[in-house]
């Protein structure tokens, strides 16, 4: 029973809601209330989708993995390995092309001496960084990968575990240290 004018105002108000939610999420982010900002960005996606504002929905959904990445960095810096691992995994679940999140997962697995997961994540980082022309992440990943497997190969050789040393050397040979052209 809103009438034509009331219905117009309702539609106009509904069009404003996604941006209002987005602005609130950004305010929380600027205030460094990251976990609250994540929740608000998720709410923004819901509201924007409900009111068919796909631009705001996409914009908000692209921010969430970055915030989990930031939380992961904070936790990793405080040596909260489990917390950092959870945040980086969430970031890559939300954005499977997030090279920097895979890189930090690799760094965690290097620190915890999980060679298999280190290799998996460093390979993924290199592939994504190459595809995205992200030379900085690419260089960092290749350097970390090279150093890790070089140390592993040298340690295995010193311990006379020659088969293991050869294995690490083969992995090392796959990590090219030259920059892409």
N, C-alpha and C. Protein backbone atom coordinates (compact mmCIF):
# COMPACT_ATOMS: atom_id res chain seq x y z
N UNK A 1 0.81 -1.19 0.00
CA UNK A 1 0.00 0.00 0.00
C UNK A 1 0.86 1.26 0.00
N UNK A 2 2.06 1.15 -0.53
CA UNK A 2 2.96 2.30 -0.56
C UNK A 2 2.56 3.32 -1.62
N UNK A 3 1.89 2.86 -2.60
CA UNK A 3 1.58 3.74 -3.72
C UNK A 3 2.78 3.85 -4.62
N UNK A 4 2.59 4.55 -5.72
CA UNK A 4 3.65 4.66 -6.71
C UNK A 4 4.87 5.40 -6.17
N UNK A 5 4.64 6.51 -5.48
CA UNK A 5 5.75 7.29 -4.92
C UNK A 5 6.49 6.50 -3.84
N UNK A 6 5.73 5.83 -2.98
CA UNK A 6 6.35 5.02 -1.93
C UNK A 6 7.15 3.87 -2.51
N UNK A 7 6.65 3.26 -3.56
CA UNK A 7 7.37 2.15 -4.21
C UNK A 7 8.67 2.67 -4.84
N UNK A 8 8.62 3.86 -5.44
CA UNK A 8 9.83 4.46 -6.02
C UNK A 8 10.89 4.71 -4.94
N UNK A 9 10.46 5.23 -3.80
CA UNK A 9 11.39 5.49 -2.69
C UNK A 9 11.98 4.18 -2.16
N UNK A 10 11.16 3.16 -2.10
CA UNK A 10 11.64 1.85 -1.64
C UNK A 10 12.73 1.34 -2.57
N UNK A 11 12.51 1.42 -3.87
CA UNK A 11 13.49 0.96 -4.86
C UNK A 11 14.77 1.79 -4.75
N UNK A 12 14.63 3.11 -4.60
CA UNK A 12 15.80 3.97 -4.47
C UNK A 12 16.61 3.63 -3.21
N UNK A 13 15.92 3.37 -2.14
CA UNK A 13 16.59 3.01 -0.88
C UNK A 13 17.31 1.67 -1.02
N UNK A 14 16.65 0.71 -1.64
CA UNK A 14 17.27 -0.61 -1.84
C UNK A 14 18.53 -0.50 -2.70
N UNK A 15 18.55 0.43 -3.64
CA UNK A 15 19.72 0.61 -4.49
C UNK A 15 20.91 1.16 -3.69
N UNK A 16 20.63 1.86 -2.61
CA UNK A 16 21.69 2.44 -1.78
C UNK A 16 22.29 1.43 -0.80
N UNK A 17 21.53 0.42 -0.43
CA UNK A 17 21.96 -0.50 0.62
C UNK A 17 23.31 -1.18 0.36
N UNK A 18 23.57 -1.73 -0.84
CA UNK A 18 24.87 -2.38 -1.03
C UNK A 18 26.06 -1.44 -0.79
N UNK A 19 25.97 -0.21 -1.30
CA UNK A 19 27.06 0.74 -1.09
C UNK A 19 27.20 1.15 0.36
N UNK A 20 26.10 1.27 1.06
CA UNK A 20 26.17 1.59 2.48
C UNK A 20 26.88 0.49 3.26
N UNK A 21 26.56 -0.76 2.95
CA UNK A 21 27.23 -1.89 3.60
C UNK A 21 28.72 -1.90 3.25
N UNK A 22 29.03 -1.64 1.99
CA UNK A 22 30.42 -1.62 1.56
C UNK A 22 31.19 -0.51 2.29
N UNK A 23 30.60 0.66 2.37
CA UNK A 23 31.25 1.78 3.07
C UNK A 23 31.49 1.47 4.54
N UNK A 24 30.53 0.81 5.17
CA UNK A 24 30.71 0.41 6.57
C UNK A 24 31.86 -0.58 6.70
N UNK A 25 31.95 -1.53 5.78
CA UNK A 25 33.04 -2.51 5.80
C UNK A 25 34.39 -1.81 5.64
N UNK A 26 34.45 -0.84 4.73
CA UNK A 26 35.69 -0.10 4.52
C UNK A 26 36.06 0.73 5.76
N UNK A 27 35.07 1.28 6.41
CA UNK A 27 35.31 2.04 7.65
C UNK A 27 35.93 1.12 8.70
N UNK A 28 35.38 -0.07 8.85
CA UNK A 28 35.93 -1.03 9.82
C UNK A 28 37.37 -1.41 9.45
N UNK A 29 37.62 -1.56 8.16
CA UNK A 29 38.96 -1.89 7.71
C UNK A 29 39.93 -0.75 8.06
N UNK A 30 39.54 0.48 7.76
CA UNK A 30 40.41 1.63 8.06
C UNK A 30 40.68 1.76 9.56
N UNK A 31 39.72 1.32 10.37
CA UNK A 31 39.90 1.34 11.82
C UNK A 31 40.69 0.12 12.31
N UNK A 32 41.16 -0.69 11.37
CA UNK A 32 41.94 -1.90 11.63
C UNK A 32 41.17 -2.93 12.45
N UNK A 33 39.87 -2.96 12.25
CA UNK A 33 39.01 -3.98 12.85
C UNK A 33 38.79 -5.04 11.77
N UNK A 34 39.85 -5.78 11.50
CA UNK A 34 39.89 -6.67 10.34
C UNK A 34 38.83 -7.76 10.41
N UNK A 35 38.70 -8.42 11.53
CA UNK A 35 37.72 -9.51 11.62
C UNK A 35 36.29 -8.99 11.47
N UNK A 36 36.02 -7.81 12.04
CA UNK A 36 34.70 -7.20 11.87
C UNK A 36 34.50 -6.78 10.41
N UNK A 37 35.55 -6.29 9.79
CA UNK A 37 35.47 -5.88 8.38
C UNK A 37 35.17 -7.09 7.49
N UNK A 38 35.81 -8.22 7.79
CA UNK A 38 35.54 -9.44 7.01
C UNK A 38 34.06 -9.79 7.09
N UNK A 39 33.52 -9.79 8.29
CA UNK A 39 32.10 -10.12 8.46
C UNK A 39 31.22 -9.12 7.70
N UNK A 40 31.59 -7.86 7.74
CA UNK A 40 30.79 -6.84 7.05
C UNK A 40 30.91 -6.95 5.53
N UNK A 41 32.09 -7.29 5.03
CA UNK A 41 32.24 -7.49 3.59
C UNK A 41 31.40 -8.69 3.12
N UNK A 42 31.36 -9.74 3.94
CA UNK A 42 30.52 -10.89 3.60
C UNK A 42 29.05 -10.49 3.58
N UNK A 43 28.64 -9.68 4.55
CA UNK A 43 27.26 -9.18 4.59
C UNK A 43 27.00 -8.31 3.36
N UNK A 44 27.99 -7.54 2.96
CA UNK A 44 27.86 -6.69 1.78
C UNK A 44 27.59 -7.54 0.54
N UNK A 45 28.30 -8.65 0.42
CA UNK A 45 28.09 -9.54 -0.73
C UNK A 45 26.65 -10.05 -0.73
N UNK A 46 26.16 -10.45 0.44
CA UNK A 46 24.78 -10.95 0.55
C UNK A 46 23.77 -9.87 0.14
N UNK A 47 23.94 -8.68 0.68
CA UNK A 47 22.99 -7.59 0.40
C UNK A 47 23.08 -7.18 -1.08
N UNK A 48 24.29 -7.06 -1.58
CA UNK A 48 24.46 -6.66 -2.99
C UNK A 48 23.87 -7.71 -3.93
N UNK A 49 24.04 -8.97 -3.58
CA UNK A 49 23.47 -10.04 -4.40
C UNK A 49 21.94 -9.99 -4.34
N UNK A 50 21.41 -9.80 -3.14
CA UNK A 50 19.95 -9.73 -2.97
C UNK A 50 19.35 -8.61 -3.81
N UNK A 51 20.05 -7.47 -3.88
CA UNK A 51 19.52 -6.33 -4.61
C UNK A 51 20.16 -6.19 -6.00
N UNK A 52 20.78 -7.26 -6.45
CA UNK A 52 21.29 -7.37 -7.82
C UNK A 52 22.31 -6.29 -8.18
N UNK A 53 23.19 -5.95 -7.23
CA UNK A 53 24.28 -5.02 -7.50
C UNK A 53 25.57 -5.84 -7.57
N UNK A 54 25.79 -6.46 -8.73
CA UNK A 54 26.90 -7.40 -8.86
C UNK A 54 28.26 -6.70 -8.82
N UNK A 55 28.32 -5.44 -9.18
CA UNK A 55 29.60 -4.72 -9.10
C UNK A 55 30.07 -4.62 -7.65
N UNK A 56 29.17 -4.22 -6.76
CA UNK A 56 29.52 -4.11 -5.34
C UNK A 56 29.78 -5.51 -4.76
N UNK A 57 29.00 -6.49 -5.16
CA UNK A 57 29.20 -7.86 -4.66
C UNK A 57 30.59 -8.37 -5.04
N UNK A 58 30.99 -8.16 -6.28
CA UNK A 58 32.31 -8.61 -6.73
C UNK A 58 33.43 -7.83 -6.04
N UNK A 59 33.24 -6.53 -5.91
CA UNK A 59 34.25 -5.69 -5.26
C UNK A 59 34.45 -6.14 -3.81
N UNK A 60 33.37 -6.38 -3.11
CA UNK A 60 33.45 -6.81 -1.71
C UNK A 60 34.06 -8.21 -1.60
N UNK A 61 33.67 -9.10 -2.49
CA UNK A 61 34.18 -10.47 -2.40
C UNK A 61 35.67 -10.55 -2.72
N UNK A 62 36.20 -9.60 -3.50
CA UNK A 62 37.64 -9.59 -3.79
C UNK A 62 38.46 -9.13 -2.59
N UNK A 63 37.85 -8.37 -1.69
CA UNK A 63 38.57 -7.83 -0.53
C UNK A 63 38.76 -8.90 0.56
N UNK A 64 37.80 -9.79 0.71
CA UNK A 64 37.82 -10.75 1.83
C UNK A 64 39.09 -11.61 1.83
N UNK A 65 39.52 -12.20 0.70
CA UNK A 65 40.76 -12.98 0.76
C UNK A 65 41.97 -12.14 1.16
N UNK A 66 41.98 -10.89 0.72
CA UNK A 66 43.10 -10.00 1.08
C UNK A 66 43.14 -9.74 2.58
N UNK A 67 41.98 -9.65 3.19
CA UNK A 67 41.94 -9.43 4.64
C UNK A 67 42.39 -10.67 5.40
N UNK A 68 42.01 -11.85 4.90
CA UNK A 68 42.50 -13.08 5.53
C UNK A 68 44.01 -13.19 5.36
N UNK A 69 44.51 -12.77 4.22
CA UNK A 69 45.95 -12.74 3.98
C UNK A 69 46.63 -11.81 5.00
N UNK A 70 46.04 -10.64 5.21
CA UNK A 70 46.61 -9.70 6.17
C UNK A 70 46.60 -10.28 7.59
N UNK A 71 45.49 -10.92 7.96
CA UNK A 71 45.44 -11.57 9.28
C UNK A 71 46.50 -12.66 9.38
N UNK A 72 46.67 -13.41 8.30
CA UNK A 72 47.69 -14.46 8.27
C UNK A 72 49.08 -13.88 8.48
N UNK A 73 49.37 -12.77 7.82
CA UNK A 73 50.67 -12.12 8.00
C UNK A 73 50.87 -11.68 9.44
N UNK A 74 49.83 -11.09 10.02
CA UNK A 74 49.92 -10.66 11.42
C UNK A 74 50.21 -11.84 12.34
N UNK A 75 49.49 -12.93 12.13
CA UNK A 75 49.67 -14.11 12.99
C UNK A 75 51.03 -14.77 12.75
N UNK A 76 51.46 -14.80 11.50
CA UNK A 76 52.76 -15.39 11.18
C UNK A 76 53.87 -14.57 11.83
N UNK A 77 53.71 -13.26 11.82
CA UNK A 77 54.68 -12.36 12.46
C UNK A 77 54.76 -12.56 13.96
N UNK A 78 53.66 -13.02 14.55
CA UNK A 78 53.62 -13.29 15.99
C UNK A 78 53.91 -14.76 16.29
N UNK A 79 54.37 -15.48 15.28
CA UNK A 79 54.73 -16.90 15.38
C UNK A 79 53.53 -17.79 15.75
N UNK A 80 52.32 -17.34 15.39
CA UNK A 80 51.11 -18.14 15.55
C UNK A 80 50.93 -18.94 14.26
N UNK A 81 51.67 -20.03 14.17
CA UNK A 81 51.72 -20.82 12.93
C UNK A 81 50.35 -21.38 12.58
N UNK A 82 49.65 -21.96 13.56
CA UNK A 82 48.33 -22.54 13.27
C UNK A 82 47.34 -21.48 12.82
N UNK A 83 47.35 -20.33 13.48
CA UNK A 83 46.46 -19.25 13.10
C UNK A 83 46.78 -18.72 11.70
N UNK A 84 48.06 -18.53 11.42
CA UNK A 84 48.48 -18.05 10.11
C UNK A 84 48.10 -19.05 9.02
N UNK A 85 48.33 -20.31 9.30
CA UNK A 85 48.00 -21.37 8.35
C UNK A 85 46.50 -21.34 8.01
N UNK A 86 45.68 -21.19 9.04
CA UNK A 86 44.23 -21.14 8.82
C UNK A 86 43.85 -19.93 7.96
N UNK A 87 44.44 -18.78 8.23
CA UNK A 87 44.10 -17.57 7.47
C UNK A 87 44.55 -17.65 6.02
N UNK A 88 45.78 -18.14 5.79
CA UNK A 88 46.26 -18.26 4.40
C UNK A 88 45.45 -19.31 3.64
N UNK A 89 45.09 -20.39 4.31
CA UNK A 89 44.25 -21.40 3.64
C UNK A 89 42.88 -20.83 3.29
N UNK A 90 42.32 -20.02 4.17
CA UNK A 90 41.05 -19.38 3.88
C UNK A 90 41.20 -18.44 2.68
N UNK A 91 42.29 -17.70 2.64
CA UNK A 91 42.53 -16.78 1.52
C UNK A 91 42.57 -17.52 0.18
N UNK A 92 43.25 -18.67 0.14
CA UNK A 92 43.32 -19.40 -1.13
C UNK A 92 42.04 -20.17 -1.44
N UNK A 93 41.28 -20.52 -0.41
CA UNK A 93 39.97 -21.12 -0.66
C UNK A 93 39.04 -20.11 -1.32
N UNK A 94 39.15 -18.86 -0.90
CA UNK A 94 38.31 -17.80 -1.45
C UNK A 94 38.83 -17.27 -2.79
N UNK A 95 40.14 -17.35 -3.00
CA UNK A 95 40.75 -16.90 -4.25
C UNK A 95 41.89 -17.86 -4.60
N UNK A 96 41.57 -18.82 -5.43
CA UNK A 96 42.55 -19.87 -5.76
C UNK A 96 43.70 -19.35 -6.63
N UNK A 97 43.68 -18.07 -6.99
CA UNK A 97 44.76 -17.49 -7.79
C UNK A 97 45.63 -16.53 -6.98
N UNK A 98 45.53 -16.59 -5.67
CA UNK A 98 46.22 -15.65 -4.79
C UNK A 98 47.66 -16.12 -4.54
N UNK A 99 48.55 -15.74 -5.43
CA UNK A 99 49.95 -16.21 -5.40
C UNK A 99 50.64 -15.91 -4.08
N UNK A 100 50.43 -14.71 -3.54
CA UNK A 100 51.12 -14.33 -2.31
C UNK A 100 50.67 -15.18 -1.12
N UNK A 101 49.42 -15.59 -1.11
CA UNK A 101 48.95 -16.46 -0.03
C UNK A 101 49.60 -17.84 -0.14
N UNK A 102 49.73 -18.36 -1.36
CA UNK A 102 50.43 -19.64 -1.54
C UNK A 102 51.90 -19.51 -1.13
N UNK A 103 52.49 -18.37 -1.44
CA UNK A 103 53.88 -18.13 -1.05
C UNK A 103 54.05 -18.20 0.47
N UNK A 104 53.13 -17.56 1.18
CA UNK A 104 53.24 -17.59 2.64
C UNK A 104 52.91 -18.95 3.21
N UNK A 105 52.03 -19.71 2.55
CA UNK A 105 51.83 -21.10 2.97
C UNK A 105 53.14 -21.87 2.82
N UNK A 106 53.83 -21.64 1.71
CA UNK A 106 55.11 -22.30 1.50
C UNK A 106 56.11 -21.92 2.60
N UNK A 107 56.12 -20.66 2.97
CA UNK A 107 57.03 -20.21 4.03
C UNK A 107 56.72 -20.92 5.36
N UNK A 108 55.44 -21.11 5.64
CA UNK A 108 55.07 -21.83 6.86
C UNK A 108 55.56 -23.27 6.79
N UNK A 109 55.35 -23.92 5.65
CA UNK A 109 55.78 -25.31 5.51
C UNK A 109 57.29 -25.45 5.51
N UNK A 110 57.99 -24.42 5.05
CA UNK A 110 59.45 -24.43 5.15
C UNK A 110 59.85 -24.38 6.62
N UNK A 111 59.19 -23.51 7.36
CA UNK A 111 59.51 -23.34 8.78
C UNK A 111 59.20 -24.60 9.58
N UNK A 112 58.13 -25.31 9.21
CA UNK A 112 57.73 -26.52 9.93
C UNK A 112 58.34 -27.78 9.33
N UNK A 113 59.23 -27.59 8.35
CA UNK A 113 59.94 -28.70 7.71
C UNK A 113 59.00 -29.71 7.05
N UNK A 114 57.93 -29.24 6.44
CA UNK A 114 57.03 -30.11 5.68
C UNK A 114 57.38 -29.94 4.21
N UNK A 115 58.36 -30.73 3.76
CA UNK A 115 58.92 -30.59 2.42
C UNK A 115 57.87 -30.79 1.33
N UNK A 116 57.01 -31.76 1.50
CA UNK A 116 56.01 -32.05 0.47
C UNK A 116 55.07 -30.85 0.26
N UNK A 117 54.54 -30.32 1.35
CA UNK A 117 53.63 -29.18 1.23
C UNK A 117 54.37 -27.90 0.86
N UNK A 118 55.62 -27.79 1.29
CA UNK A 118 56.43 -26.65 0.85
C UNK A 118 56.55 -26.66 -0.66
N UNK A 119 56.93 -27.81 -1.20
CA UNK A 119 57.13 -27.91 -2.65
C UNK A 119 55.82 -27.64 -3.41
N UNK A 120 54.73 -28.21 -2.92
CA UNK A 120 53.43 -28.01 -3.58
C UNK A 120 53.07 -26.53 -3.63
N UNK A 121 53.26 -25.82 -2.53
CA UNK A 121 52.87 -24.41 -2.47
C UNK A 121 53.85 -23.50 -3.18
N UNK A 122 55.12 -23.83 -3.17
CA UNK A 122 56.09 -23.00 -3.89
C UNK A 122 55.88 -23.17 -5.39
N UNK A 123 55.58 -24.40 -5.83
CA UNK A 123 55.27 -24.63 -7.25
C UNK A 123 54.04 -23.86 -7.68
N UNK A 124 53.01 -23.87 -6.83
CA UNK A 124 51.77 -23.15 -7.14
C UNK A 124 52.05 -21.64 -7.20
N UNK A 125 52.85 -21.15 -6.27
CA UNK A 125 53.20 -19.73 -6.26
C UNK A 125 53.90 -19.35 -7.56
N UNK A 126 54.88 -20.14 -7.96
CA UNK A 126 55.64 -19.85 -9.17
C UNK A 126 54.73 -19.85 -10.39
N UNK A 127 53.87 -20.85 -10.49
CA UNK A 127 52.96 -20.94 -11.64
C UNK A 127 52.02 -19.74 -11.70
N UNK A 128 51.44 -19.37 -10.56
CA UNK A 128 50.52 -18.24 -10.54
C UNK A 128 51.24 -16.92 -10.79
N UNK A 129 52.39 -16.75 -10.17
CA UNK A 129 53.14 -15.50 -10.36
C UNK A 129 53.56 -15.34 -11.82
N UNK A 130 53.95 -16.42 -12.45
CA UNK A 130 54.27 -16.38 -13.88
C UNK A 130 53.05 -15.97 -14.70
N UNK A 131 51.92 -16.60 -14.43
CA UNK A 131 50.69 -16.33 -15.18
C UNK A 131 50.21 -14.89 -14.98
N UNK A 132 50.50 -14.33 -13.81
CA UNK A 132 50.02 -12.98 -13.48
C UNK A 132 51.08 -11.91 -13.72
N UNK A 133 52.23 -12.31 -14.25
CA UNK A 133 53.35 -11.38 -14.46
C UNK A 133 53.73 -10.65 -13.17
N UNK A 134 53.69 -11.37 -12.06
CA UNK A 134 54.05 -10.82 -10.76
C UNK A 134 55.52 -11.16 -10.49
N UNK A 135 56.40 -10.34 -11.03
CA UNK A 135 57.83 -10.65 -10.97
C UNK A 135 58.39 -10.64 -9.55
N UNK A 136 57.84 -9.80 -8.70
CA UNK A 136 58.33 -9.73 -7.32
C UNK A 136 58.05 -11.04 -6.56
N UNK A 137 56.80 -11.52 -6.63
CA UNK A 137 56.45 -12.78 -5.96
C UNK A 137 57.18 -13.94 -6.61
N UNK A 138 57.31 -13.90 -7.93
CA UNK A 138 58.02 -14.95 -8.65
C UNK A 138 59.47 -15.05 -8.18
N UNK A 139 60.14 -13.91 -8.12
CA UNK A 139 61.54 -13.91 -7.71
C UNK A 139 61.68 -14.42 -6.27
N UNK A 140 60.80 -13.96 -5.38
CA UNK A 140 60.86 -14.39 -3.98
C UNK A 140 60.63 -15.89 -3.87
N UNK A 141 59.64 -16.41 -4.60
CA UNK A 141 59.33 -17.85 -4.55
C UNK A 141 60.49 -18.68 -5.09
N UNK A 142 61.07 -18.25 -6.18
CA UNK A 142 62.20 -19.00 -6.75
C UNK A 142 63.40 -18.98 -5.81
N UNK A 143 63.64 -17.86 -5.19
CA UNK A 143 64.77 -17.75 -4.26
C UNK A 143 64.56 -18.64 -3.04
N UNK A 144 63.37 -18.58 -2.46
CA UNK A 144 63.08 -19.41 -1.29
C UNK A 144 63.13 -20.89 -1.66
N UNK A 145 62.55 -21.23 -2.79
CA UNK A 145 62.57 -22.63 -3.24
C UNK A 145 63.98 -23.12 -3.50
N UNK A 146 64.75 -22.31 -4.21
CA UNK A 146 66.14 -22.67 -4.50
C UNK A 146 66.94 -22.87 -3.23
N UNK A 147 66.84 -21.91 -2.31
CA UNK A 147 67.62 -21.99 -1.07
C UNK A 147 67.22 -23.20 -0.24
N UNK A 148 65.92 -23.45 -0.15
CA UNK A 148 65.42 -24.56 0.65
C UNK A 148 65.96 -25.90 0.12
N UNK A 149 65.81 -26.12 -1.18
CA UNK A 149 66.22 -27.40 -1.73
C UNK A 149 67.73 -27.53 -1.85
N UNK A 150 68.43 -26.42 -1.99
CA UNK A 150 69.89 -26.46 -1.99
C UNK A 150 70.41 -26.90 -0.62
N UNK A 151 69.84 -26.33 0.44
CA UNK A 151 70.22 -26.73 1.80
C UNK A 151 69.87 -28.19 2.04
N UNK A 152 68.67 -28.59 1.63
CA UNK A 152 68.25 -29.99 1.79
C UNK A 152 69.22 -30.93 1.06
N UNK A 153 69.58 -30.58 -0.16
CA UNK A 153 70.49 -31.43 -0.95
C UNK A 153 71.86 -31.50 -0.29
N UNK A 154 72.38 -30.37 0.16
CA UNK A 154 73.69 -30.35 0.82
C UNK A 154 73.69 -31.14 2.12
N UNK A 155 72.62 -30.99 2.91
CA UNK A 155 72.52 -31.75 4.16
C UNK A 155 72.46 -33.25 3.89
N UNK A 156 71.69 -33.64 2.90
CA UNK A 156 71.59 -35.06 2.56
C UNK A 156 72.94 -35.59 2.08
N UNK A 157 73.66 -34.81 1.27
CA UNK A 157 74.98 -35.23 0.79
C UNK A 157 75.95 -35.38 1.95
N UNK A 158 75.93 -34.43 2.88
CA UNK A 158 76.80 -34.47 4.05
C UNK A 158 76.51 -35.72 4.89
N UNK A 159 75.24 -36.09 4.98
CA UNK A 159 74.85 -37.28 5.73
C UNK A 159 74.99 -38.56 4.91
N UNK A 160 75.57 -38.45 3.73
CA UNK A 160 75.79 -39.58 2.81
C UNK A 160 74.48 -40.26 2.40
N UNK A 161 73.45 -39.47 2.32
CA UNK A 161 72.15 -39.94 1.81
C UNK A 161 72.07 -39.48 0.36
N UNK A 162 72.83 -40.17 -0.48
CA UNK A 162 73.02 -39.69 -1.84
C UNK A 162 71.75 -39.74 -2.69
N UNK A 163 70.93 -40.73 -2.48
CA UNK A 163 69.67 -40.80 -3.23
C UNK A 163 68.78 -39.61 -2.92
N UNK A 164 68.72 -39.26 -1.64
CA UNK A 164 67.94 -38.10 -1.20
C UNK A 164 68.54 -36.81 -1.77
N UNK A 165 69.86 -36.72 -1.75
CA UNK A 165 70.54 -35.53 -2.29
C UNK A 165 70.24 -35.36 -3.77
N UNK A 166 70.26 -36.46 -4.50
CA UNK A 166 69.94 -36.42 -5.93
C UNK A 166 68.50 -35.97 -6.14
N UNK A 167 67.61 -36.50 -5.32
CA UNK A 167 66.19 -36.12 -5.41
C UNK A 167 66.01 -34.61 -5.22
N UNK A 168 66.63 -34.09 -4.18
CA UNK A 168 66.53 -32.65 -3.94
C UNK A 168 67.19 -31.86 -5.06
N UNK A 169 68.28 -32.37 -5.57
CA UNK A 169 68.95 -31.71 -6.69
C UNK A 169 68.07 -31.67 -7.93
N UNK A 170 67.31 -32.73 -8.15
CA UNK A 170 66.39 -32.74 -9.30
C UNK A 170 65.28 -31.71 -9.12
N UNK A 171 64.76 -31.62 -7.92
CA UNK A 171 63.74 -30.60 -7.65
C UNK A 171 64.35 -29.22 -7.85
N UNK A 172 65.55 -29.04 -7.35
CA UNK A 172 66.25 -27.77 -7.46
C UNK A 172 66.43 -27.38 -8.92
N UNK A 173 66.71 -28.35 -9.78
CA UNK A 173 66.93 -28.05 -11.19
C UNK A 173 65.66 -27.56 -11.88
N UNK A 174 64.51 -27.86 -11.28
CA UNK A 174 63.24 -27.41 -11.87
C UNK A 174 62.91 -25.96 -11.52
N UNK A 175 63.57 -25.45 -10.50
CA UNK A 175 63.34 -24.07 -10.08
C UNK A 175 64.36 -23.19 -10.79
N UNK A 176 63.94 -22.61 -11.88
CA UNK A 176 64.83 -21.73 -12.64
C UNK A 176 64.89 -20.38 -11.97
N UNK A 177 66.09 -19.87 -11.79
CA UNK A 177 66.22 -18.61 -11.07
C UNK A 177 66.21 -17.40 -11.99
N UNK A 178 66.15 -17.62 -13.30
CA UNK A 178 66.11 -16.47 -14.21
C UNK A 178 64.72 -15.87 -14.22
N UNK A 179 64.65 -14.60 -14.51
CA UNK A 179 63.36 -13.91 -14.58
C UNK A 179 62.70 -14.22 -15.92
N UNK A 180 61.36 -14.18 -15.95
CA UNK A 180 60.65 -14.42 -17.21
C UNK A 180 60.91 -13.28 -18.18
N UNK A 181 60.86 -13.61 -19.44
CA UNK A 181 61.09 -12.57 -20.47
C UNK A 181 59.81 -11.91 -20.88
